[in-house]
Amino acid sequence: MYSKDEIKKIRIDFWEGFKKYSSPKRRKLGKPKNWVMQNTGIKAIDLKFDINQKQASVGIDVVSKSLNNKVAYWEILQSVRSLLNESFDIEMVWDDMFVLDSGKEIIRIAVYKDQVNIFDPKTWDSVYAFFFENMITLEDWFEEYKDILQIHKNK
């Protein structure tokens, strides 16, 4: 088992490694230095990377505290579901009741890579490639369809 300090160091090493991997590739594609992540321009929608001891994921999180807002965003996302699914080479998982480790319930739409582990550096390169390829796809899709998702925001 790892101590808190060891876990923190492993996480820092992982994310620093990903930054070194992805920064030159983003520049080569003419993308901004930073990933969109929480800076989507829509308060309740985040683009998210996640990794734990079993799997990695890239996706969209709807994090509104309001159940009505979550339902409205779910309906809007469902209306563009086929457009989003078509963008990815692997199947997206649509979960309207995803529970975070904190106990908070969100909506998560994501692609997953199994059999990876943040505590196993031998899996990191494959996770970096998975993260990069799928988040680039997600960011491009989001930029193209962002206006549709903002309809709710402006009501």
Protein backbone atom coordinates (compact mmCIF):
# COMPACT_ATOMS: atom_id res chain seq x y z
CA MET A 1 0.00 0.00 0.00
CA TYR A 2 1.14 3.53 -0.71
CA SER A 3 1.33 6.41 1.76
CA LYS A 4 -0.53 9.65 1.04
CA ASP A 5 2.74 11.30 0.06
CA GLU A 6 3.65 8.45 -2.31
CA ILE A 7 0.19 8.59 -3.92
CA LYS A 8 0.52 12.35 -4.36
CA LYS A 9 3.96 11.97 -5.96
CA ILE A 10 2.75 9.25 -8.34
CA ARG A 11 -0.19 11.41 -9.43
CA ILE A 12 2.07 14.43 -9.95
CA ASP A 13 4.54 12.31 -11.96
CA PHE A 14 1.72 10.89 -14.08
CA TRP A 15 0.20 14.29 -14.93
CA GLU A 16 3.61 15.92 -15.52
CA GLY A 17 4.44 13.06 -17.88
CA PHE A 18 1.17 13.58 -19.71
CA LYS A 19 1.87 17.29 -20.06
CA LYS A 20 5.30 16.53 -21.56
CA TYR A 21 3.68 14.02 -23.91
CA SER A 22 0.77 16.19 -25.03
CA SER A 23 2.13 19.76 -25.16
CA PRO A 24 4.28 19.36 -28.28
CA LYS A 25 1.56 17.34 -30.00
CA ARG A 26 -1.04 20.08 -29.27
CA ARG A 27 1.31 22.75 -30.62
CA LYS A 28 1.89 20.68 -33.76
CA LEU A 29 -1.90 20.58 -34.30
CA GLY A 30 -2.17 24.35 -33.74
CA LYS A 31 -4.17 23.88 -30.53
CA PRO A 32 -3.95 26.15 -27.50
CA LYS A 33 -1.44 25.16 -24.82
CA ASN A 34 -4.10 24.17 -22.29
CA TRP A 35 -6.88 21.63 -22.60
CA VAL A 36 -10.46 22.98 -22.46
CA MET A 37 -11.39 20.96 -19.32
CA GLN A 38 -13.54 23.22 -17.05
CA ASN A 39 -13.19 26.21 -19.39
CA THR A 40 -16.00 25.10 -21.69
CA GLY A 41 -17.93 28.36 -21.39
CA ILE A 42 -20.88 26.37 -20.05
CA LYS A 43 -20.92 26.39 -16.27
CA ALA A 44 -22.39 22.91 -15.81
CA ILE A 45 -20.28 21.08 -18.42
CA ASP A 46 -16.68 19.95 -18.02
CA LEU A 47 -14.48 17.91 -20.32
CA LYS A 48 -12.67 15.40 -18.16
CA PHE A 49 -9.67 13.07 -17.98
CA ASP A 50 -9.76 10.40 -15.29
CA ILE A 51 -7.56 7.48 -14.30
CA ASN A 52 -7.57 5.11 -11.35
CA GLN A 53 -6.25 1.62 -10.60
CA LYS A 54 -8.53 -0.10 -13.13
CA GLN A 55 -9.27 2.20 -16.04
CA ALA A 56 -8.84 5.56 -17.71
CA SER A 57 -11.58 7.70 -19.23
CA VAL A 58 -12.13 10.78 -21.34
CA GLY A 59 -15.54 12.38 -21.39
CA ILE A 60 -18.10 15.01 -20.64
CA ASP A 61 -19.31 15.58 -17.10
CA VAL A 62 -22.51 17.48 -16.34
CA VAL A 63 -21.94 18.77 -12.84
CA SER A 64 -24.91 21.03 -12.14
CA LYS A 65 -26.31 21.00 -8.61
CA SER A 66 -29.78 21.49 -10.03
CA LEU A 67 -31.65 18.33 -10.99
CA ASN A 68 -33.69 20.33 -13.51
CA ASN A 69 -30.51 21.57 -15.18
CA LYS A 70 -29.04 18.06 -15.24
CA VAL A 71 -32.19 16.72 -16.89
CA ALA A 72 -32.20 19.57 -19.42
CA TYR A 73 -28.54 18.98 -20.33
CA TRP A 74 -29.13 15.22 -20.54
CA GLU A 75 -31.97 15.84 -23.01
CA ILE A 76 -29.84 18.20 -25.10
CA LEU A 77 -26.94 15.75 -25.13
CA GLN A 78 -29.30 12.92 -26.06
CA SER A 79 -30.45 14.98 -29.04
CA VAL A 80 -26.87 15.03 -30.38
CA ARG A 81 -25.98 11.53 -29.17
CA SER A 82 -25.45 10.04 -32.63
CA LEU A 83 -23.19 12.97 -33.63
CA LEU A 84 -21.06 12.46 -30.52
CA ASN A 85 -20.91 8.67 -30.82
CA GLU A 86 -19.89 8.89 -34.49
CA SER A 87 -16.85 10.98 -33.57
CA PHE A 88 -15.22 8.17 -31.59
CA ASP A 89 -13.67 4.90 -32.70
CA ILE A 90 -14.80 3.20 -29.48
CA GLU A 91 -18.25 3.14 -27.93
CA MET A 92 -19.19 5.91 -25.54
CA VAL A 93 -20.82 5.00 -22.25
CA TRP A 94 -23.78 7.22 -21.35
CA ASP A 95 -24.44 7.33 -17.60
CA ASP A 96 -27.07 9.72 -16.29
CA MET A 97 -26.45 8.68 -12.66
CA PHE A 98 -22.65 8.40 -12.32
CA VAL A 99 -21.51 8.62 -8.69
CA LEU A 100 -18.14 10.21 -7.96
CA ASP A 101 -15.93 8.95 -5.12
CA SER A 102 -17.17 11.96 -3.14
CA GLY A 103 -20.74 10.64 -3.41
CA LYS A 104 -21.85 13.42 -5.76
CA GLU A 105 -24.13 12.28 -8.58
CA ILE A 106 -23.32 13.62 -12.05
CA ILE A 107 -23.93 12.78 -15.67
CA ARG A 108 -20.90 11.27 -17.38
CA ILE A 109 -20.55 10.45 -21.06
CA ALA A 110 -17.18 8.87 -21.67
CA VAL A 111 -14.93 6.45 -23.47
CA TYR A 112 -12.92 4.03 -21.32
CA LYS A 113 -9.63 2.18 -21.50
CA ASP A 114 -9.45 -0.85 -19.22
CA GLN A 115 -6.46 -2.69 -17.76
CA VAL A 116 -4.44 0.41 -16.95
CA ASN A 117 -3.33 1.60 -13.54
CA ILE A 118 -2.10 4.98 -12.39
CA PHE A 119 0.23 3.13 -10.01
CA ASP A 120 1.84 1.16 -12.86
CA PRO A 121 4.12 3.43 -14.92
CA LYS A 122 4.34 0.68 -17.59
CA THR A 123 0.74 1.54 -18.57
CA TRP A 124 1.22 5.29 -18.69
CA ASP A 125 2.29 5.60 -22.34
CA SER A 126 -0.84 3.82 -23.52
CA VAL A 127 -2.97 6.04 -21.27
CA TYR A 128 -1.25 9.18 -22.58
CA ALA A 129 -2.02 8.14 -26.16
CA PHE A 130 -5.62 7.27 -25.23
CA PHE A 131 -6.10 10.58 -23.40
CA PHE A 132 -4.58 12.65 -26.19
CA GLU A 133 -6.42 11.05 -29.10
CA ASN A 134 -9.81 11.02 -27.40
CA MET A 135 -9.66 14.46 -25.79
CA ILE A 136 -8.61 16.04 -29.10
CA THR A 137 -11.65 14.35 -30.67
CA LEU A 138 -13.89 15.51 -27.81
CA GLU A 139 -12.61 19.09 -27.90
CA ASP A 140 -13.12 19.27 -31.67
CA TRP A 141 -16.64 17.87 -31.33
CA PHE A 142 -17.42 20.24 -28.47
CA GLU A 143 -16.26 23.29 -30.44
CA GLU A 144 -18.42 22.27 -33.38
CA TYR A 145 -21.59 21.65 -31.33
CA LYS A 146 -21.09 24.01 -28.39
CA ASP A 147 -23.81 26.38 -29.63
CA ILE A 148 -26.39 23.61 -29.41
CA LEU A 149 -25.38 22.91 -25.82
CA GLN A 150 -25.56 26.61 -24.95
CA ILE A 151 -29.21 26.88 -25.90
CA HIS A 152 -30.14 25.87 -22.35
CA LYS A 153 -27.69 28.36 -20.88
CA ASN A 154 -29.38 31.25 -22.64
CA LYS A 155 -32.96 30.37 -21.69
